[in-house]
Amino acid sequence: MQALVNAFHKTLKWLEKATPEQIAATVPEEYFLGDKALYVAAVKANKPVYSLTGVIPAAGMKSAADMLLAFDDELKERQHRPRKDLRRPLREKGRGGQ
């Protein structure tokens, strides 16, 4: 599990410095759906929304949950209870305590 967390951390550090063009160069051509310029523009427009620490704030989790609940009837039927974050120690270790 720690190796996976470390890999994600390394990826997030790379994404922090990578340009949209560099990011686009790493994905399969099928991701472009025939329009690489649009894909690069979408990466550029959305890059600020990605968490560079891998930690999603509680407000972000609530926003994502609200969006899912608005569109997924099966989820609406379940009682949603956010669980205690047990992964924080792994993330902290992956970031070298940062």
PDB file of N, CA and C in Angstrom:
ATOM      1  N   MET A   1       0.832  -1.186   0.000  1.00  0.00           N
ATOM      2  CA  MET A   1       0.000   0.000   0.000  1.00  0.00           C
ATOM      3  C   MET A   1       0.880   1.255   0.000  1.00  0.00           C
ATOM      4  N   GLN A   2       1.926   1.260   0.792  1.00  0.00           N
ATOM      5  CA  GLN A   2       2.788   2.442   0.851  1.00  0.00           C
ATOM      6  C   GLN A   2       3.437   2.719  -0.500  1.00  0.00           C
ATOM      7  N   ALA A   3       3.804   1.670  -1.237  1.00  0.00           N
ATOM      8  CA  ALA A   3       4.416   1.868  -2.555  1.00  0.00           C
ATOM      9  C   ALA A   3       3.445   2.572  -3.500  1.00  0.00           C
ATOM     10  N   LEU A   4       2.172   2.239  -3.432  1.00  0.00           N
ATOM     11  CA  LEU A   4       1.165   2.887  -4.262  1.00  0.00           C
ATOM     12  C   LEU A   4       1.025   4.358  -3.877  1.00  0.00           C
ATOM     13  N   VAL A   5       0.966   4.624  -2.587  1.00  0.00           N
ATOM     14  CA  VAL A   5       0.874   6.010  -2.113  1.00  0.00           C
ATOM     15  C   VAL A   5       2.101   6.803  -2.567  1.00  0.00           C
ATOM     16  N   ASN A   6       3.268   6.202  -2.468  1.00  0.00           N
ATOM     17  CA  ASN A   6       4.500   6.875  -2.902  1.00  0.00           C
ATOM     18  C   ASN A   6       4.456   7.180  -4.401  1.00  0.00           C
ATOM     19  N   ALA A   7       3.934   6.230  -5.190  1.00  0.00           N
ATOM     20  CA  ALA A   7       3.831   6.441  -6.635  1.00  0.00           C
ATOM     21  C   ALA A   7       2.876   7.593  -6.955  1.00  0.00           C
ATOM     22  N   PHE A   8       1.755   7.646  -6.251  1.00  0.00           N
ATOM     23  CA  PHE A   8       0.830   8.757  -6.452  1.00  0.00           C
ATOM     24  C   PHE A   8       1.481  10.083  -6.079  1.00  0.00           C
ATOM     25  N   HIS A   9       2.214  10.088  -4.994  1.00  0.00           N
ATOM     26  CA  HIS A   9       2.890  11.316  -4.566  1.00  0.00           C
ATOM     27  C   HIS A   9       3.877  11.778  -5.634  1.00  0.00           C
ATOM     28  N   LYS A  10       4.654  10.854  -6.167  1.00  0.00           N
ATOM     29  CA  LYS A  10       5.624  11.186  -7.212  1.00  0.00           C
ATOM     30  C   LYS A  10       4.903  11.746  -8.442  1.00  0.00           C
ATOM     31  N   THR A  11       3.773  11.138  -8.794  1.00  0.00           N
ATOM     32  CA  THR A  11       2.993  11.600  -9.937  1.00  0.00           C
ATOM     33  C   THR A  11       2.455  13.008  -9.692  1.00  0.00           C
ATOM     34  N   LEU A  12       1.935  13.258  -8.509  1.00  0.00           N
ATOM     35  CA  LEU A  12       1.416  14.589  -8.192  1.00  0.00           C
ATOM     36  C   LEU A  12       2.510  15.642  -8.257  1.00  0.00           C
ATOM     37  N   LYS A  13       3.708  15.304  -7.802  1.00  0.00           N
ATOM     38  CA  LYS A  13       4.833  16.242  -7.880  1.00  0.00           C
ATOM     39  C   LYS A  13       5.182  16.533  -9.337  1.00  0.00           C
ATOM     40  N   TRP A  14       5.125  15.506 -10.193  1.00  0.00           N
ATOM     41  CA  TRP A  14       5.394  15.705 -11.613  1.00  0.00           C
ATOM     42  C   TRP A  14       4.308  16.589 -12.233  1.00  0.00           C
ATOM     43  N   LEU A  15       3.040  16.296 -11.927  1.00  0.00           N
ATOM     44  CA  LEU A  15       1.936  17.078 -12.469  1.00  0.00           C
ATOM     45  C   LEU A  15       2.020  18.548 -12.069  1.00  0.00           C
ATOM     46  N   GLU A  16       2.535  18.793 -10.880  1.00  0.00           N
ATOM     47  CA  GLU A  16       2.664  20.171 -10.387  1.00  0.00           C
ATOM     48  C   GLU A  16       3.538  21.007 -11.327  1.00  0.00           C
ATOM     49  N   LYS A  17       4.577  20.393 -11.897  1.00  0.00           N
ATOM     50  CA  LYS A  17       5.540  21.118 -12.722  1.00  0.00           C
ATOM     51  C   LYS A  17       5.303  20.950 -14.224  1.00  0.00           C
ATOM     52  N   ALA A  18       4.555  19.933 -14.608  1.00  0.00           N
ATOM     53  CA  ALA A  18       4.367  19.625 -16.026  1.00  0.00           C
ATOM     54  C   ALA A  18       3.443  20.636 -16.705  1.00  0.00           C
ATOM     55  N   THR A  19       3.735  20.909 -17.962  1.00  0.00           N
ATOM     56  CA  THR A  19       2.849  21.754 -18.761  1.00  0.00           C
ATOM     57  C   THR A  19       1.708  20.888 -19.294  1.00  0.00           C
ATOM     58  N   PRO A  20       0.610  21.512 -19.709  1.00  0.00           N
ATOM     59  CA  PRO A  20      -0.467  20.732 -20.316  1.00  0.00           C
ATOM     60  C   PRO A  20       0.018  19.916 -21.518  1.00  0.00           C
ATOM     61  N   GLU A  21       0.949  20.477 -22.287  1.00  0.00           N
ATOM     62  CA  GLU A  21       1.488  19.757 -23.433  1.00  0.00           C
ATOM     63  C   GLU A  21       2.281  18.526 -22.996  1.00  0.00           C
ATOM     64  N   GLN A  22       3.046  18.639 -21.917  1.00  0.00           N
ATOM     65  CA  GLN A  22       3.794  17.490 -21.396  1.00  0.00           C
ATOM     66  C   GLN A  22       2.844  16.413 -20.883  1.00  0.00           C
ATOM     67  N   ILE A  23       1.791  16.830 -20.235  1.00  0.00           N
ATOM     68  CA  ILE A  23       0.795  15.870 -19.747  1.00  0.00           C
ATOM     69  C   ILE A  23       0.153  15.148 -20.929  1.00  0.00           C
ATOM     70  N   ALA A  24      -0.241  15.905 -21.947  1.00  0.00           N
ATOM     71  CA  ALA A  24      -0.869  15.314 -23.132  1.00  0.00           C
ATOM     72  C   ALA A  24       0.067  14.324 -23.825  1.00  0.00           C
ATOM     73  N   ALA A  25       1.366  14.587 -23.761  1.00  0.00           N
ATOM     74  CA  ALA A  25       2.335  13.700 -24.415  1.00  0.00           C
ATOM     75  C   ALA A  25       2.430  12.336 -23.734  1.00  0.00           C
ATOM     76  N   THR A  26       1.891  12.212 -22.528  1.00  0.00           N
ATOM     77  CA  THR A  26       2.011  10.954 -21.785  1.00  0.00           C
ATOM     78  C   THR A  26       0.780  10.051 -21.894  1.00  0.00           C
ATOM     79  N   VAL A  27      -0.292  10.552 -22.495  1.00  0.00           N
ATOM     80  CA  VAL A  27      -1.523   9.763 -22.540  1.00  0.00           C
ATOM     81  C   VAL A  27      -1.733   9.155 -23.926  1.00  0.00           C
ATOM     82  N   PRO A  28      -2.493   8.081 -24.010  1.00  0.00           N
ATOM     83  CA  PRO A  28      -2.768   7.474 -25.321  1.00  0.00           C
ATOM     84  C   PRO A  28      -3.507   8.457 -26.237  1.00  0.00           C
ATOM     85  N   GLU A  29      -3.226   8.386 -27.520  1.00  0.00           N
ATOM     86  CA  GLU A  29      -3.831   9.280 -28.502  1.00  0.00           C
ATOM     87  C   GLU A  29      -5.358   9.211 -28.485  1.00  0.00           C
ATOM     88  N   GLU A  30      -5.918   8.067 -28.111  1.00  0.00           N
ATOM     89  CA  GLU A  30      -7.378   7.927 -28.056  1.00  0.00           C
ATOM     90  C   GLU A  30      -8.012   8.919 -27.092  1.00  0.00           C
ATOM     91  N   TYR A  31      -7.267   9.362 -26.090  1.00  0.00           N
ATOM     92  CA  TYR A  31      -7.802  10.319 -25.120  1.00  0.00           C
ATOM     93  C   TYR A  31      -8.159  11.646 -25.778  1.00  0.00           C
ATOM     94  N   PHE A  32      -7.530  11.976 -26.889  1.00  0.00           N
ATOM     95  CA  PHE A  32      -7.747  13.256 -27.556  1.00  0.00           C
ATOM     96  C   PHE A  32      -9.087  13.298 -28.304  1.00  0.00           C
ATOM     97  N   LEU A  33      -9.660  12.134 -28.568  1.00  0.00           N
ATOM     98  CA  LEU A  33     -10.920  12.040 -29.316  1.00  0.00           C
ATOM     99  C   LEU A  33     -10.856  12.859 -30.604  1.00  0.00           C
ATOM    100  N   GLY A  34      -9.677  12.792 -31.242  1.00  0.00           N
ATOM    101  CA  GLY A  34      -9.509  13.463 -32.525  1.00  0.00           C
ATOM    102  C   GLY A  34      -9.163  14.938 -32.448  1.00  0.00           C
ATOM    103  N   ASP A  35      -9.010  15.486 -31.254  1.00  0.00           N
ATOM    104  CA  ASP A  35      -8.733  16.922 -31.126  1.00  0.00           C
ATOM    105  C   ASP A  35      -7.733  17.165 -29.992  1.00  0.00           C
ATOM    106  N   LYS A  36      -6.462  17.024 -30.310  1.00  0.00           N
ATOM    107  CA  LYS A  36      -5.418  17.176 -29.293  1.00  0.00           C
ATOM    108  C   LYS A  36      -5.403  18.591 -28.712  1.00  0.00           C
ATOM    109  N   ALA A  37      -5.630  19.595 -29.542  1.00  0.00           N
ATOM    110  CA  ALA A  37      -5.628  20.981 -29.050  1.00  0.00           C
ATOM    111  C   ALA A  37      -6.710  21.181 -27.995  1.00  0.00           C
ATOM    112  N   LEU A  38      -7.885  20.592 -28.211  1.00  0.00           N
ATOM    113  CA  LEU A  38      -8.968  20.693 -27.232  1.00  0.00           C
ATOM    114  C   LEU A  38      -8.590  19.973 -25.939  1.00  0.00           C
ATOM    115  N   TYR A  39      -7.952  18.802 -26.074  1.00  0.00           N
ATOM    116  CA  TYR A  39      -7.513  18.056 -24.890  1.00  0.00           C
ATOM    117  C   TYR A  39      -6.523  18.897 -24.078  1.00  0.00           C
ATOM    118  N   VAL A  40      -5.540  19.492 -24.751  1.00  0.00           N
ATOM    119  CA  VAL A  40      -4.541  20.322 -24.060  1.00  0.00           C
ATOM    120  C   VAL A  40      -5.226  21.510 -23.386  1.00  0.00           C
ATOM    121  N   ALA A  41      -6.190  22.134 -24.073  1.00  0.00           N
ATOM    122  CA  ALA A  41      -6.927  23.258 -23.488  1.00  0.00           C
ATOM    123  C   ALA A  41      -7.709  22.816 -22.247  1.00  0.00           C
ATOM    124  N   ALA A  42      -8.295  21.615 -22.311  1.00  0.00           N
ATOM    125  CA  ALA A  42      -9.046  21.096 -21.163  1.00  0.00           C
ATOM    126  C   ALA A  42      -8.118  20.821 -19.981  1.00  0.00           C
ATOM    127  N   VAL A  43      -6.949  20.260 -20.256  1.00  0.00           N
ATOM    128  CA  VAL A  43      -5.977  20.024 -19.179  1.00  0.00           C
ATOM    129  C   VAL A  43      -5.580  21.362 -18.553  1.00  0.00           C
ATOM    130  N   LYS A  44      -5.300  22.336 -19.387  1.00  0.00           N
ATOM    131  CA  LYS A  44      -4.897  23.658 -18.889  1.00  0.00           C
ATOM    132  C   LYS A  44      -5.999  24.274 -18.027  1.00  0.00           C
ATOM    133  N   ALA A  45      -7.248  24.177 -18.473  1.00  0.00           N
ATOM    134  CA  ALA A  45      -8.373  24.762 -17.743  1.00  0.00           C
ATOM    135  C   ALA A  45      -8.654  24.035 -16.434  1.00  0.00           C
ATOM    136  N   ASN A  46      -8.367  22.726 -16.384  1.00  0.00           N
ATOM    137  CA  ASN A  46      -8.719  21.927 -15.200  1.00  0.00           C
ATOM    138  C   ASN A  46      -7.561  21.655 -14.260  1.00  0.00           C
ATOM    139  N   LYS A  47      -6.353  21.941 -14.660  1.00  0.00           N
ATOM    140  CA  LYS A  47      -5.190  21.639 -13.822  1.00  0.00           C
ATOM    141  C   LYS A  47      -5.296  22.241 -12.410  1.00  0.00           C
ATOM    142  N   PRO A  48      -5.815  23.467 -12.270  1.00  0.00           N
ATOM    143  CA  PRO A  48      -5.908  24.043 -10.921  1.00  0.00           C
ATOM    144  C   PRO A  48      -6.825  23.297  -9.957  1.00  0.00           C
ATOM    145  N   VAL A  49      -7.727  22.454 -10.456  1.00  0.00           N
ATOM    146  CA  VAL A  49      -8.651  21.769  -9.548  1.00  0.00           C
ATOM    147  C   VAL A  49      -8.052  20.524  -8.913  1.00  0.00           C
ATOM    148  N   TYR A  50      -6.922  20.053  -9.434  1.00  0.00           N
ATOM    149  CA  TYR A  50      -6.316  18.850  -8.884  1.00  0.00           C
ATOM    150  C   TYR A  50      -5.580  19.149  -7.579  1.00  0.00           C
ATOM    151  N   SER A  51      -5.760  18.293  -6.616  1.00  0.00           N
ATOM    152  CA  SER A  51      -5.059  18.424  -5.342  1.00  0.00           C
ATOM    153  C   SER A  51      -3.598  18.022  -5.544  1.00  0.00           C
ATOM    154  N   LEU A  52      -2.696  18.918  -5.218  1.00  0.00           N
ATOM    155  CA  LEU A  52      -1.270  18.606  -5.363  1.00  0.00           C
ATOM    156  C   LEU A  52      -0.718  17.826  -4.178  1.00  0.00           C
ATOM    157  N   THR A  53      -1.528  17.672  -3.149  1.00  0.00           N
ATOM    158  CA  THR A  53      -1.096  16.910  -1.974  1.00  0.00           C
ATOM    159  C   THR A  53      -1.749  15.541  -1.918  1.00  0.00           C
ATOM    160  N   GLY A  54      -2.781  15.339  -2.733  1.00  0.00           N
ATOM    161  CA  GLY A  54      -3.532  14.092  -2.675  1.00  0.00           C
ATOM    162  C   GLY A  54      -4.618  14.132  -1.614  1.00  0.00           C
ATOM    163  N   VAL A  55      -4.674  15.212  -0.853  1.00  0.00           N
ATOM    164  CA  VAL A  55      -5.680  15.367   0.197  1.00  0.00           C
ATOM    165  C   VAL A  55      -6.816  16.225  -0.351  1.00  0.00           C
ATOM    166  N   ILE A  56      -8.022  15.725  -0.247  1.00  0.00           N
ATOM    167  CA  ILE A  56      -9.185  16.477  -0.700  1.00  0.00           C
ATOM    168  C   ILE A  56      -9.862  17.056   0.536  1.00  0.00           C
ATOM    169  N   PRO A  57     -10.043  18.372   0.561  1.00  0.00           N
ATOM    170  CA  PRO A  57     -10.678  18.979   1.737  1.00  0.00           C
ATOM    171  C   PRO A  57     -12.112  18.496   1.910  1.00  0.00           C
ATOM    172  N   ALA A  58     -12.612  18.574   3.124  1.00  0.00           N
ATOM    173  CA  ALA A  58     -13.965  18.098   3.427  1.00  0.00           C
ATOM    174  C   ALA A  58     -15.002  18.756   2.529  1.00  0.00           C
ATOM    175  N   ALA A  59     -14.855  20.044   2.240  1.00  0.00           N
ATOM    176  CA  ALA A  59     -15.810  20.742   1.374  1.00  0.00           C
ATOM    177  C   ALA A  59     -15.785  20.157  -0.042  1.00  0.00           C
ATOM    178  N   GLY A  60     -14.610  19.769  -0.501  1.00  0.00           N
ATOM    179  CA  GLY A  60     -14.487  19.151  -1.816  1.00  0.00           C
ATOM    180  C   GLY A  60     -15.151  17.786  -1.856  1.00  0.00           C
ATOM    181  N   MET A  61     -14.982  17.019  -0.787  1.00  0.00           N
ATOM    182  CA  MET A  61     -15.627  15.700  -0.710  1.00  0.00           C
ATOM    183  C   MET A  61     -17.143  15.852  -0.685  1.00  0.00           C
ATOM    184  N   LYS A  62     -17.632  16.842   0.065  1.00  0.00           N
ATOM    185  CA  LYS A  62     -19.074  17.067   0.131  1.00  0.00           C
ATOM    186  C   LYS A  62     -19.606  17.478  -1.237  1.00  0.00           C
ATOM    187  N   SER A  63     -18.885  18.341  -1.926  1.00  0.00           N
ATOM    188  CA  SER A  63     -19.298  18.777  -3.254  1.00  0.00           C
ATOM    189  C   SER A  63     -19.382  17.592  -4.226  1.00  0.00           C
ATOM    190  N   ALA A  64     -18.366  16.732  -4.196  1.00  0.00           N
ATOM    191  CA  ALA A  64     -18.361  15.550  -5.070  1.00  0.00           C
ATOM    192  C   ALA A  64     -19.514  14.614  -4.714  1.00  0.00           C
ATOM    193  N   ALA A  65     -19.731  14.402  -3.420  1.00  0.00           N
ATOM    194  CA  ALA A  65     -20.821  13.525  -2.984  1.00  0.00           C
ATOM    195  C   ALA A  65     -22.172  14.097  -3.398  1.00  0.00           C
ATOM    196  N   ASP A  66     -22.354  15.410  -3.235  1.00  0.00           N
ATOM    197  CA  ASP A  66     -23.614  16.041  -3.621  1.00  0.00           C
ATOM    198  C   ASP A  66     -23.877  15.877  -5.114  1.00  0.00           C
ATOM    199  N   MET A  67     -22.821  16.031  -5.922  1.00  0.00           N
ATOM    200  CA  MET A  67     -22.965  15.881  -7.366  1.00  0.00           C
ATOM    201  C   MET A  67     -23.361  14.442  -7.717  1.00  0.00           C
ATOM    202  N   LEU A  68     -22.683  13.469  -7.102  1.00  0.00           N
ATOM    203  CA  LEU A  68     -23.007  12.064  -7.368  1.00  0.00           C
ATOM    204  C   LEU A  68     -24.433  11.732  -6.938  1.00  0.00           C
ATOM    205  N   LEU A  69     -24.821  12.225  -5.775  1.00  0.00           N
ATOM    206  CA  LEU A  69     -26.168  11.954  -5.276  1.00  0.00           C
ATOM    207  C   LEU A  69     -27.235  12.589  -6.168  1.00  0.00           C
ATOM    208  N   ALA A  70     -26.909  13.686  -6.816  1.00  0.00           N
ATOM    209  CA  ALA A  70     -27.871  14.362  -7.688  1.00  0.00           C
ATOM    210  C   ALA A  70     -28.146  13.561  -8.955  1.00  0.00           C
ATOM    211  N   PHE A  71     -27.208  12.724  -9.367  1.00  0.00           N
ATOM    212  CA  PHE A  71     -27.344  12.014 -10.639  1.00  0.00           C
ATOM    213  C   PHE A  71     -27.457  10.499 -10.520  1.00  0.00           C
ATOM    214  N   ASP A  72     -27.260   9.941  -9.344  1.00  0.00           N
ATOM    215  CA  ASP A  72     -27.250   8.485  -9.200  1.00  0.00           C
ATOM    216  C   ASP A  72     -28.338   8.055  -8.218  1.00  0.00           C
ATOM    217  N   ASP A  73     -29.436   7.529  -8.765  1.00  0.00           N
ATOM    218  CA  ASP A  73     -30.563   7.131  -7.921  1.00  0.00           C
ATOM    219  C   ASP A  73     -30.182   6.042  -6.925  1.00  0.00           C
ATOM    220  N   GLU A  74     -29.292   5.129  -7.333  1.00  0.00           N
ATOM    221  CA  GLU A  74     -28.883   4.054  -6.421  1.00  0.00           C
ATOM    222  C   GLU A  74     -28.172   4.618  -5.189  1.00  0.00           C
ATOM    223  N   LEU A  75     -27.337   5.622  -5.403  1.00  0.00           N
ATOM    224  CA  LEU A  75     -26.649   6.235  -4.266  1.00  0.00           C
ATOM    225  C   LEU A  75     -27.609   6.999  -3.370  1.00  0.00           C
ATOM    226  N   LYS A  76     -28.617   7.609  -3.976  1.00  0.00           N
ATOM    227  CA  LYS A  76     -29.608   8.353  -3.185  1.00  0.00           C
ATOM    228  C   LYS A  76     -30.301   7.435  -2.179  1.00  0.00           C
ATOM    229  N   GLU A  77     -30.495   6.167  -2.570  1.00  0.00           N
ATOM    230  CA  GLU A  77     -31.208   5.217  -1.720  1.00  0.00           C
ATOM    231  C   GLU A  77     -30.359   4.756  -0.525  1.00  0.00           C
ATOM    232  N   ARG A  78     -29.062   4.843  -0.671  1.00  0.00           N
ATOM    233  CA  ARG A  78     -28.183   4.421   0.421  1.00  0.00           C
ATOM    234  C   ARG A  78     -27.979   5.570   1.394  1.00  0.00           C
ATOM    235  N   GLN A  79     -27.744   5.212   2.620  1.00  0.00           N
ATOM    236  CA  GLN A  79     -27.442   6.244   3.607  1.00  0.00           C
ATOM    237  C   GLN A  79     -25.941   6.503   3.550  1.00  0.00           C
ATOM    238  N   HIS A  80     -25.580   7.697   3.150  1.00  0.00           N
ATOM    239  CA  HIS A  80     -24.162   8.038   2.994  1.00  0.00           C
ATOM    240  C   HIS A  80     -23.593   8.512   4.329  1.00  0.00           C
ATOM    241  N   ARG A  81     -22.553   7.827   4.763  1.00  0.00           N
ATOM    242  CA  ARG A  81     -21.862   8.207   6.004  1.00  0.00           C
ATOM    243  C   ARG A  81     -20.371   8.298   5.713  1.00  0.00           C
ATOM    244  N   PRO A  82     -19.840   9.509   5.635  1.00  0.00           N
ATOM    245  CA  PRO A  82     -18.394   9.616   5.411  1.00  0.00           C
ATOM    246  C   PRO A  82     -17.647   8.881   6.518  1.00  0.00           C
ATOM    247  N   ARG A  83     -16.678   8.084   6.140  1.00  0.00           N
ATOM    248  CA  ARG A  83     -15.946   7.327   7.156  1.00  0.00           C
ATOM    249  C   ARG A  83     -14.694   8.071   7.574  1.00  0.00           C
ATOM    250  N   LYS A  84     -14.228   7.713   8.710  1.00  0.00           N
ATOM    251  CA  LYS A  84     -13.031   8.338   9.257  1.00  0.00           C
ATOM    252  C   LYS A  84     -11.847   8.095   8.315  1.00  0.00           C
ATOM    253  N   ASP A  85     -11.046   9.117   8.139  1.00  0.00           N
ATOM    254  CA  ASP A  85      -9.908   9.018   7.223  1.00  0.00           C
ATOM    255  C   ASP A  85      -8.793   8.205   7.866  1.00  0.00           C
ATOM    256  N   LEU A  86      -8.618   6.987   7.376  1.00  0.00           N
ATOM    257  CA  LEU A  86      -7.582   6.109   7.912  1.00  0.00           C
ATOM    258  C   LEU A  86      -6.315   6.159   7.072  1.00  0.00           C
ATOM    259  N   ARG A  87      -6.357   6.858   5.965  1.00  0.00           N
ATOM    260  CA  ARG A  87      -5.212   6.847   5.056  1.00  0.00           C
ATOM    261  C   ARG A  87      -4.244   8.002   5.274  1.00  0.00           C
ATOM    262  N   ARG A  88      -4.574   8.952   6.093  1.00  0.00           N
ATOM    263  CA  ARG A  88      -3.708  10.112   6.308  1.00  0.00           C
ATOM    264  C   ARG A  88      -2.274   9.735   6.673  1.00  0.00           C
ATOM    265  N   PRO A  89      -2.046   8.754   7.554  1.00  0.00           N
ATOM    266  CA  PRO A  89      -0.643   8.400   7.858  1.00  0.00           C
ATOM    267  C   PRO A  89       0.132   7.937   6.632  1.00  0.00           C
ATOM    268  N   LEU A  90      -0.519   7.216   5.707  1.00  0.00           N
ATOM    269  CA  LEU A  90       0.165   6.770   4.497  1.00  0.00           C
ATOM    270  C   LEU A  90       0.530   7.955   3.620  1.00  0.00           C
ATOM    271  N   ARG A  91      -0.397   8.903   3.480  1.00  0.00           N
ATOM    272  CA  ARG A  91      -0.112  10.084   2.667  1.00  0.00           C
ATOM    273  C   ARG A  91       1.025  10.886   3.269  1.00  0.00           C
ATOM    274  N   GLU A  92       0.985  11.062   4.575  1.00  0.00           N
ATOM    275  CA  GLU A  92       2.033  11.825   5.253  1.00  0.00           C
ATOM    276  C   GLU A  92       3.397  11.168   5.037  1.00  0.00           C
ATOM    277  N   LYS A  93       3.449   9.852   5.168  1.00  0.00           N
ATOM    278  CA  LYS A  93       4.713   9.139   4.964  1.00  0.00           C
ATOM    279  C   LYS A  93       5.167   9.257   3.513  1.00  0.00           C
ATOM    280  N   GLY A  94       4.209   9.184   2.564  1.00  0.00           N
ATOM    281  CA  GLY A  94       4.528   9.315   1.149  1.00  0.00           C
ATOM    282  C   GLY A  94       5.084  10.664   0.793  1.00  0.00           C
ATOM    283  N   ARG A  95       4.653  11.693   1.513  1.00  0.00           N
ATOM    284  CA  ARG A  95       5.143  13.045   1.265  1.00  0.00           C
ATOM    285  C   ARG A  95       6.399  13.330   2.073  1.00  0.00           C
ATOM    286  N   GLY A  96       6.891  12.347   2.772  1.00  0.00           N
ATOM    287  CA  GLY A  96       8.073  12.558   3.596  1.00  0.00           C
ATOM    288  C   GLY A  96       7.766  13.480   4.769  1.00  0.00           C
ATOM    289  N   GLY A  97       6.502  13.388   5.267  1.00  0.00           N
ATOM    290  CA  GLY A  97       6.112  14.205   6.402  1.00  0.00           C
ATOM    291  C   GLY A  97       5.771  15.635   6.039  1.00  0.00           C
ATOM    292  N   GLN A  98       5.694  15.931   4.733  1.00  0.00           N
ATOM    293  CA  GLN A  98       5.393  17.302   4.289  1.00  0.00           C
ATOM    294  C   GLN A  98       3.957  17.649   4.550  1.00  0.00           C
TER     295      GLN A  98
END
